[in-house]
N, C-alpha and C. Protein backbone atom coordinates (compact mmCIF):
# COMPACT_ATOMS: atom_id res chain seq x y z
N MET A 1 -40.50 10.51 -20.28
CA MET A 1 -39.21 9.90 -20.54
C MET A 1 -39.17 8.44 -20.07
N CYS A 2 -40.02 8.08 -19.15
CA CYS A 2 -40.05 6.69 -18.68
C CYS A 2 -40.29 5.72 -19.81
N CYS A 3 -41.12 6.10 -20.75
CA CYS A 3 -41.46 5.20 -21.86
C CYS A 3 -40.25 4.87 -22.71
N ARG A 4 -39.27 5.72 -22.70
CA ARG A 4 -38.08 5.49 -23.52
C ARG A 4 -37.04 4.65 -22.79
N THR A 5 -37.12 4.59 -21.47
CA THR A 5 -36.07 3.91 -20.72
C THR A 5 -36.54 2.63 -20.04
N LEU A 6 -37.84 2.46 -19.83
CA LEU A 6 -38.35 1.28 -19.15
C LEU A 6 -38.91 0.27 -20.15
N SER A 7 -38.90 -1.00 -19.74
CA SER A 7 -39.46 -2.04 -20.59
C SER A 7 -40.99 -2.01 -20.51
N SER A 8 -41.63 -2.71 -21.42
CA SER A 8 -43.10 -2.80 -21.41
C SER A 8 -43.60 -3.41 -20.12
N ASP A 9 -42.92 -4.42 -19.63
CA ASP A 9 -43.32 -5.06 -18.36
C ASP A 9 -43.22 -4.09 -17.19
N GLU A 10 -42.15 -3.30 -17.16
CA GLU A 10 -41.99 -2.31 -16.09
C GLU A 10 -43.09 -1.25 -16.15
N LEU A 11 -43.41 -0.81 -17.36
CA LEU A 11 -44.47 0.20 -17.52
C LEU A 11 -45.82 -0.36 -17.09
N GLU A 12 -46.11 -1.62 -17.45
CA GLU A 12 -47.36 -2.24 -17.04
C GLU A 12 -47.46 -2.35 -15.53
N THR A 13 -46.34 -2.63 -14.88
CA THR A 13 -46.31 -2.72 -13.42
C THR A 13 -46.57 -1.36 -12.78
N MET A 14 -46.05 -0.30 -13.38
CA MET A 14 -46.19 1.05 -12.83
C MET A 14 -47.58 1.65 -13.04
N THR A 15 -48.25 1.26 -14.10
CA THR A 15 -49.51 1.90 -14.49
C THR A 15 -50.55 1.96 -13.38
N PRO A 16 -50.87 0.85 -12.72
CA PRO A 16 -51.89 0.94 -11.66
C PRO A 16 -51.53 1.93 -10.55
N GLU A 17 -50.25 1.98 -10.20
CA GLU A 17 -49.82 2.91 -9.15
C GLU A 17 -49.93 4.36 -9.62
N LEU A 18 -49.57 4.63 -10.86
CA LEU A 18 -49.70 5.99 -11.40
C LEU A 18 -51.17 6.42 -11.43
N LEU A 19 -52.04 5.52 -11.85
CA LEU A 19 -53.47 5.85 -11.88
C LEU A 19 -53.98 6.15 -10.49
N LYS A 20 -53.58 5.34 -9.53
CA LYS A 20 -54.01 5.55 -8.13
C LYS A 20 -53.46 6.88 -7.59
N GLN A 21 -52.18 7.11 -7.83
CA GLN A 21 -51.51 8.32 -7.34
C GLN A 21 -52.17 9.59 -7.88
N HIS A 22 -52.59 9.56 -9.13
CA HIS A 22 -53.19 10.74 -9.75
C HIS A 22 -54.72 10.71 -9.74
N ARG A 23 -55.28 9.74 -9.02
CA ARG A 23 -56.73 9.60 -8.85
C ARG A 23 -57.46 9.55 -10.19
N ARG A 24 -56.98 8.69 -11.07
CA ARG A 24 -57.60 8.52 -12.39
C ARG A 24 -58.06 7.08 -12.52
N PRO A 25 -59.25 6.86 -13.11
CA PRO A 25 -59.77 5.49 -13.23
C PRO A 25 -59.12 4.68 -14.35
N ASN A 26 -58.50 5.36 -15.34
CA ASN A 26 -57.91 4.63 -16.46
C ASN A 26 -56.88 5.51 -17.17
N THR A 27 -56.16 4.91 -18.10
CA THR A 27 -55.10 5.65 -18.79
C THR A 27 -55.66 6.73 -19.71
N TYR A 28 -56.88 6.55 -20.21
CA TYR A 28 -57.50 7.58 -21.06
C TYR A 28 -57.61 8.90 -20.30
N THR A 29 -58.17 8.84 -19.09
CA THR A 29 -58.36 10.07 -18.32
C THR A 29 -57.03 10.65 -17.85
N LEU A 30 -56.05 9.78 -17.60
CA LEU A 30 -54.73 10.26 -17.19
C LEU A 30 -54.05 11.01 -18.34
N THR A 31 -54.04 10.42 -19.53
CA THR A 31 -53.39 11.09 -20.66
C THR A 31 -54.13 12.36 -21.07
N LYS A 32 -55.44 12.37 -20.90
CA LYS A 32 -56.22 13.57 -21.19
C LYS A 32 -55.81 14.70 -20.24
N ALA A 33 -55.69 14.38 -18.96
CA ALA A 33 -55.28 15.38 -17.98
C ALA A 33 -53.87 15.89 -18.25
N VAL A 34 -52.97 14.99 -18.63
CA VAL A 34 -51.60 15.39 -18.94
C VAL A 34 -51.57 16.33 -20.14
N ALA A 35 -52.31 15.99 -21.18
CA ALA A 35 -52.36 16.85 -22.38
C ALA A 35 -52.94 18.22 -22.05
N GLU A 36 -54.01 18.26 -21.28
CA GLU A 36 -54.62 19.54 -20.92
C GLU A 36 -53.66 20.39 -20.10
N LYS A 37 -52.92 19.77 -19.20
CA LYS A 37 -51.95 20.51 -18.37
C LYS A 37 -50.81 21.06 -19.23
N LEU A 38 -50.32 20.26 -20.18
CA LEU A 38 -49.25 20.74 -21.06
C LEU A 38 -49.71 21.92 -21.91
N VAL A 39 -50.92 21.83 -22.44
CA VAL A 39 -51.46 22.93 -23.24
C VAL A 39 -51.58 24.18 -22.36
N GLU A 40 -52.10 24.01 -21.16
CA GLU A 40 -52.26 25.15 -20.25
C GLU A 40 -50.92 25.81 -19.94
N GLU A 41 -49.89 25.01 -19.71
CA GLU A 41 -48.58 25.55 -19.34
C GLU A 41 -47.85 26.23 -20.50
N HIS A 42 -48.11 25.79 -21.73
CA HIS A 42 -47.32 26.28 -22.86
C HIS A 42 -48.10 27.15 -23.85
N ARG A 43 -49.34 27.46 -23.57
CA ARG A 43 -50.17 28.19 -24.53
C ARG A 43 -49.87 29.68 -24.57
N GLY A 44 -49.24 30.20 -23.53
CA GLY A 44 -48.98 31.63 -23.48
C GLY A 44 -50.29 32.40 -23.39
N ASP A 45 -50.48 33.40 -24.27
CA ASP A 45 -51.70 34.22 -24.26
C ASP A 45 -52.73 33.73 -25.28
N ILE A 46 -52.49 32.58 -25.88
CA ILE A 46 -53.39 32.07 -26.91
C ILE A 46 -54.55 31.32 -26.26
N PRO A 47 -55.79 31.78 -26.48
CA PRO A 47 -56.93 31.02 -25.95
C PRO A 47 -57.03 29.68 -26.68
N CYS A 48 -57.20 28.60 -25.94
CA CYS A 48 -57.29 27.30 -26.58
C CYS A 48 -58.01 26.30 -25.68
N CYS A 49 -58.33 25.15 -26.27
CA CYS A 49 -58.95 24.07 -25.50
C CYS A 49 -58.55 22.74 -26.13
N VAL A 50 -58.66 21.68 -25.34
CA VAL A 50 -58.40 20.34 -25.82
C VAL A 50 -59.74 19.67 -26.06
N VAL A 51 -59.94 19.19 -27.28
CA VAL A 51 -61.20 18.53 -27.63
C VAL A 51 -60.89 17.10 -28.05
N ARG A 52 -61.56 16.15 -27.43
CA ARG A 52 -61.41 14.75 -27.80
C ARG A 52 -62.77 14.21 -28.21
N PRO A 53 -62.84 13.57 -29.36
CA PRO A 53 -64.12 12.99 -29.78
C PRO A 53 -64.54 11.87 -28.84
N THR A 54 -65.84 11.66 -28.72
CA THR A 54 -66.34 10.62 -27.82
C THR A 54 -66.14 9.24 -28.40
N ILE A 55 -66.19 9.11 -29.72
CA ILE A 55 -66.02 7.80 -30.35
C ILE A 55 -65.06 7.93 -31.54
N VAL A 56 -64.10 7.06 -31.58
CA VAL A 56 -63.19 6.99 -32.72
C VAL A 56 -63.19 5.54 -33.16
N ALA A 57 -63.49 5.30 -34.42
CA ALA A 57 -63.53 3.93 -34.92
C ALA A 57 -63.07 3.89 -36.36
N GLY A 58 -62.47 2.79 -36.73
CA GLY A 58 -62.06 2.60 -38.10
C GLY A 58 -63.24 2.13 -38.94
N SER A 59 -63.11 2.27 -40.23
CA SER A 59 -64.20 1.86 -41.12
C SER A 59 -63.63 1.21 -42.36
N TYR A 60 -64.13 0.01 -42.68
CA TYR A 60 -63.72 -0.65 -43.92
C TYR A 60 -64.84 -0.53 -44.95
N ARG A 61 -66.07 -0.86 -44.54
CA ARG A 61 -67.19 -0.78 -45.47
C ARG A 61 -68.33 0.09 -44.97
N GLU A 62 -68.48 0.21 -43.67
CA GLU A 62 -69.60 0.98 -43.14
C GLU A 62 -69.08 2.00 -42.15
N PRO A 63 -69.65 3.14 -42.00
CA PRO A 63 -70.84 3.62 -42.70
C PRO A 63 -70.55 4.08 -44.12
N VAL A 64 -69.29 4.31 -44.46
CA VAL A 64 -68.95 4.76 -45.80
C VAL A 64 -67.82 3.88 -46.33
N PRO A 65 -67.95 3.30 -47.52
CA PRO A 65 -66.86 2.48 -48.05
C PRO A 65 -65.63 3.34 -48.37
N VAL A 66 -64.50 2.75 -48.20
CA VAL A 66 -63.24 3.44 -48.47
C VAL A 66 -62.94 3.33 -49.95
N CYS A 67 -62.64 4.44 -50.61
CA CYS A 67 -62.28 4.45 -52.02
C CYS A 67 -60.76 4.31 -52.11
N VAL A 68 -60.32 3.28 -52.79
CA VAL A 68 -58.88 3.06 -52.90
C VAL A 68 -58.44 3.21 -54.32
């Protein structure tokens, strides 16, 4: 909910403290942990896991050209 009520400057100021408080080196690992915790809390009896690809990149011409 903070993202909806605080300005970008306020969020940028808070970020380093949140990372330190939760012992995370960056926002990627923090958001990953948050997502995994939410899935764990709300999955009920459904077996599941969170999978994140190691590399995500856009492509205009390589490795495969985009057909428009």
